[in-house]
Structures are given as C-alpha cells and as structure tokens.
C-alpha atoms as a PDB file:
ATOM      1  CA  MET A   1      -0.170  -0.046  -0.238  1.00  0.00           C
ATOM      2  CA  ALA A   2       1.417   3.311  -0.376  1.00  0.00           C
ATOM      3  CA  GLY A   3       2.621   5.325   2.385  1.00  0.00           C
ATOM      4  CA  ARG A   4       0.394   6.668   4.931  1.00  0.00           C
ATOM      5  CA  HIS A   5      -0.173  10.349   5.983  1.00  0.00           C
ATOM      6  CA  SER A   6      -1.708  12.216   9.108  1.00  0.00           C
ATOM      7  CA  PHE A   7      -4.554  14.158   8.124  1.00  0.00           C
ATOM      8  CA  ALA A   8      -2.332  17.372   9.093  1.00  0.00           C
ATOM      9  CA  GLU A   9       0.249  16.116   6.540  1.00  0.00           C
ATOM     10  CA  LEU A  10      -2.646  16.044   3.604  1.00  0.00           C
ATOM     11  CA  ARG A  11      -4.237  19.356   5.109  1.00  0.00           C
ATOM     12  CA  ALA A  12      -1.037  20.657   4.035  1.00  0.00           C
ATOM     13  CA  ARG A  13      -0.110  19.924   0.935  1.00  0.00           C
ATOM     14  CA  MET A  14      -3.410  21.300   0.219  1.00  0.00           C
ATOM     15  CA  THR A  15      -3.258  24.987  -1.385  1.00  0.00           C
ATOM     16  CA  SER A  16      -4.753  27.812   0.548  1.00  0.00           C
ATOM     17  CA  GLU A  17      -7.399  27.997  -1.517  1.00  0.00           C
ATOM     18  CA  ALA A  18      -8.251  24.067  -1.612  1.00  0.00           C
ATOM     19  CA  GLN A  19      -8.046  24.697   3.020  1.00  0.00           C
ATOM     20  CA  LYS A  20      -9.888  27.794   2.965  1.00  0.00           C
ATOM     21  CA  GLN A  21     -13.092  25.716   1.238  1.00  0.00           C
ATOM     22  CA  VAL A  22     -12.242  22.902   3.450  1.00  0.00           C
ATOM     23  CA  GLU A  23     -12.825  25.079   6.223  1.00  0.00           C
ATOM     24  CA  ILE A  24     -16.054  26.717   5.191  1.00  0.00           C
ATOM     25  CA  ALA A  25     -17.534  22.961   4.285  1.00  0.00           C
ATOM     26  CA  SER A  26     -16.657  21.939   7.764  1.00  0.00           C
ATOM     27  CA  LEU A  27     -18.157  25.169   9.073  1.00  0.00           C
ATOM     28  CA  SER A  28     -21.502  24.358   7.002  1.00  0.00           C
ATOM     29  CA  LEU A  29     -21.563  20.628   7.978  1.00  0.00           C
ATOM     30  CA  GLU A  30     -25.246  20.004   8.596  1.00  0.00           C
ATOM     31  CA  GLU A  31     -26.868  18.490  12.010  1.00  0.00           C
ATOM     32  CA  GLU A  32     -27.382  15.100   9.846  1.00  0.00           C
ATOM     33  CA  MET A  33     -24.650  13.669   7.857  1.00  0.00           C
ATOM     34  CA  ASP A  34     -23.744   9.920   7.309  1.00  0.00           C
ATOM     35  CA  LEU A  35     -20.306   9.526   7.096  1.00  0.00           C
ATOM     36  CA  ALA A  36     -19.536   9.644   3.686  1.00  0.00           C
ATOM     37  CA  GLU A  37     -21.166  12.844   3.375  1.00  0.00           C
ATOM     38  CA  VAL A  38     -18.573  14.414   6.379  1.00  0.00           C
ATOM     39  CA  ARG A  39     -15.451  12.493   4.506  1.00  0.00           C
ATOM     40  CA  ARG A  40     -16.887  14.332   1.313  1.00  0.00           C
ATOM     41  CA  ALA A  41     -17.978  17.467   3.358  1.00  0.00           C
ATOM     42  CA  MET A  42     -14.285  17.568   3.854  1.00  0.00           C
ATOM     43  CA  LYS A  43     -13.168  17.267   0.703  1.00  0.00           C
ATOM     44  CA  LEU A  44     -11.452  13.410   1.472  1.00  0.00           C
ATOM     45  CA  SER A  45     -11.294  10.557  -0.699  1.00  0.00           C
ATOM     46  CA  GLN A  46     -11.735   7.313   0.810  1.00  0.00           C
ATOM     47  CA  ASP A  47      -8.309   6.652  -0.652  1.00  0.00           C
ATOM     48  CA  GLU A  48      -6.810   9.434   1.273  1.00  0.00           C
ATOM     49  CA  LEU A  49      -8.608   8.909   4.763  1.00  0.00           C
ATOM     50  CA  ALA A  50      -7.255   4.622   4.381  1.00  0.00           C
ATOM     51  CA  GLN A  51      -3.664   5.262   4.412  1.00  0.00           C
ATOM     52  CA  THR A  52      -4.704   7.943   7.255  1.00  0.00           C
ATOM     53  CA  LEU A  53      -6.414   5.129   9.086  1.00  0.00           C
ATOM     54  CA  GLN A  54      -3.478   2.480   7.678  1.00  0.00           C
ATOM     55  CA  VAL A  55      -6.335   0.057   6.043  1.00  0.00           C
ATOM     56  CA  GLY A  56      -7.331  -0.076   2.536  1.00  0.00           C
ATOM     57  CA  GLN A  57      -9.861   1.664   0.199  1.00  0.00           C
ATOM     58  CA  GLY A  58     -12.543  -0.755   0.232  1.00  0.00           C
ATOM     59  CA  SER A  59     -12.161  -0.838   4.494  1.00  0.00           C
ATOM     60  CA  VAL A  60     -13.193   2.663   4.183  1.00  0.00           C
ATOM     61  CA  ALA A  61     -15.690   1.585   2.027  1.00  0.00           C
ATOM     62  CA  LYS A  62     -17.472  -0.974   4.129  1.00  0.00           C
ATOM     63  CA  ILE A  63     -17.217   1.435   6.933  1.00  0.00           C
ATOM     64  CA  GLU A  64     -18.939   4.116   5.472  1.00  0.00           C
ATOM     65  CA  LYS A  65     -21.966   1.470   4.193  1.00  0.00           C
ATOM     66  CA  ARG A  66     -22.433  -0.209   8.163  1.00  0.00           C
ATOM     67  CA  ALA A  67     -25.527   0.934  10.139  1.00  0.00           C
ATOM     68  CA  ASP A  68     -23.650  -0.860  13.435  1.00  0.00           C
ATOM     69  CA  MET A  69     -20.164  -0.645  14.571  1.00  0.00           C
ATOM     70  CA  TYR A  70     -17.834  -0.322  17.481  1.00  0.00           C
ATOM     71  CA  VAL A  71     -17.633   3.475  19.759  1.00  0.00           C
ATOM     72  CA  SER A  72     -13.742   2.908  18.788  1.00  0.00           C
ATOM     73  CA  THR A  73     -13.928   1.857  14.872  1.00  0.00           C
ATOM     74  CA  LEU A  74     -16.010   5.144  14.959  1.00  0.00           C
ATOM     75  CA  ARG A  75     -14.002   7.153  16.812  1.00  0.00           C
ATOM     76  CA  ARG A  76     -10.684   6.644  14.489  1.00  0.00           C
ATOM     77  CA  PHE A  77     -13.105   7.265  11.584  1.00  0.00           C
ATOM     78  CA  ILE A  78     -13.582  10.501  12.957  1.00  0.00           C
ATOM     79  CA  GLU A  79     -10.558  11.287  14.723  1.00  0.00           C
ATOM     80  CA  ALA A  80      -8.702  10.852  11.284  1.00  0.00           C
ATOM     81  CA  MET A  81     -11.184  13.437   9.172  1.00  0.00           C
ATOM     82  CA  GLY A  82      -9.910  15.552  12.054  1.00  0.00           C
ATOM     83  CA  GLY A  83     -12.492  15.299  13.852  1.00  0.00           C
ATOM     84  CA  GLU A  84     -13.800  14.451  17.387  1.00  0.00           C
ATOM     85  CA  LEU A  85     -16.267  12.275  18.314  1.00  0.00           C
ATOM     86  CA  GLU A  86     -18.703  12.860  21.893  1.00  0.00           C
ATOM     87  CA  ILE A  87     -21.490  11.092  22.655  1.00  0.00           C
ATOM     88  CA  THR A  88     -24.698  12.493  24.175  1.00  0.00           C
ATOM     89  CA  ALA A  89     -27.787  11.238  25.806  1.00  0.00           C
ATOM     90  CA  LYS A  90     -30.820  13.418  25.975  1.00  0.00           C
ATOM     91  CA  PHE A  91     -33.418  13.239  28.064  1.00  0.00           C
ATOM     92  CA  GLY A  92     -36.062  14.941  26.890  1.00  0.00           C
ATOM     93  CA  GLY A  93     -35.124  18.776  27.084  1.00  0.00           C
ATOM     94  CA  HIS A  94     -31.757  17.336  28.891  1.00  0.00           C
ATOM     95  CA  SER A  95     -28.814  16.515  27.232  1.00  0.00           C
ATOM     96  CA  VAL A  96     -25.569  14.615  29.346  1.00  0.00           C
ATOM     97  CA  LYS A  97     -22.535  14.499  27.475  1.00  0.00           C
ATOM     98  CA  ILE A  98     -20.920  10.125  28.355  1.00  0.00           C
ATOM     99  CA  LYS A  99     -17.614  10.695  29.137  1.00  0.00           C
ATOM    100  CA  SER A 100     -16.619   7.097  29.423  1.00  0.00           C
ATOM    101  CA  PHE A 101     -16.115   6.394  26.070  1.00  0.00           C
ATOM    102  CA  SER A 102     -13.228   9.302  25.835  1.00  0.00           C
ATOM    103  CA  ASP A 103     -11.890   8.091  29.318  1.00  0.00           C
ATOM    104  CA  LEU A 104     -10.738   4.475  27.665  1.00  0.00           C
ATOM    105  CA  SER A 105      -8.423   5.610  25.546  1.00  0.00           C
ATOM    106  CA  GLU A 106      -6.964   8.096  28.805  1.00  0.00           C
ATOM    107  CA  LYS A 107      -6.700   5.099  30.836  1.00  0.00           C
ATOM    108  CA  ARG A 108      -5.151   2.729  28.300  1.00  0.00           C
ATOM    109  CA  GLY A 109      -2.740   5.702  27.250  1.00  0.00           C
ATOM    110  CA  ILE A 110      -3.839   6.028  23.478  1.00  0.00           C
ATOM    111  CA  GLU A 111      -3.383   8.947  21.842  1.00  0.00           C
ATOM    112  CA  ARG A 112      -6.148  10.935  20.853  1.00  0.00           C
END
C-alpha cells in the first residue's frame, strides 16, 4: 500500500484555497450526515482516509456503509478526518455528554 499520511500532513499539502474550502465546508456541516457525506464535506477521498487509517480503500467503503460498528472504530474514523467524537444522551430537554468512552482511550494511554 502507498505511504501513510496523517490528516495534518494531507492538509498541509493542500493549497491555501483548498484549505479555505475545507474550512468553509466544515463550518457548514449539516446537523445530520452519514459518514460518507462527512468525508466528502471534508474534501477527502476514501483512499486518502484509508491511508490515514492505515487500511485499504475498500475498508473505508465498508465502514461508511455499516449501520452498526464499535464506538472505537467510529472514533478512529472521525479523528482521521480531523474531528472529535462526542457521545451525548438526550432525555427530553436535557442532554448528558457520556465521558466514559473518551476515558477509555486515556486510561489505556492511547493518543487522541
């Protein structure tokens, strides 16, 4: 497989105009989008994301189509696009951010 690159490296290679377009796209993200829509809004190809995740392009395609996956898989996918995953439970008019998922990576010494 081709060389692996972090999202920061890929972004650094983009022209300043392309970086501005990504910034605008990220600000205009809709409230609800599927993973493929988020990736496209971030101006990333499946191959670019696959390189960051160190998986094949086909694996990215499969992840984008899945209706059910591990939280850790979703977190890696979102972080590879430069985002941060937050899990929130809503109870009527009250929301609670669930922190135990983020605590797991910190307890294991995994970089975020």
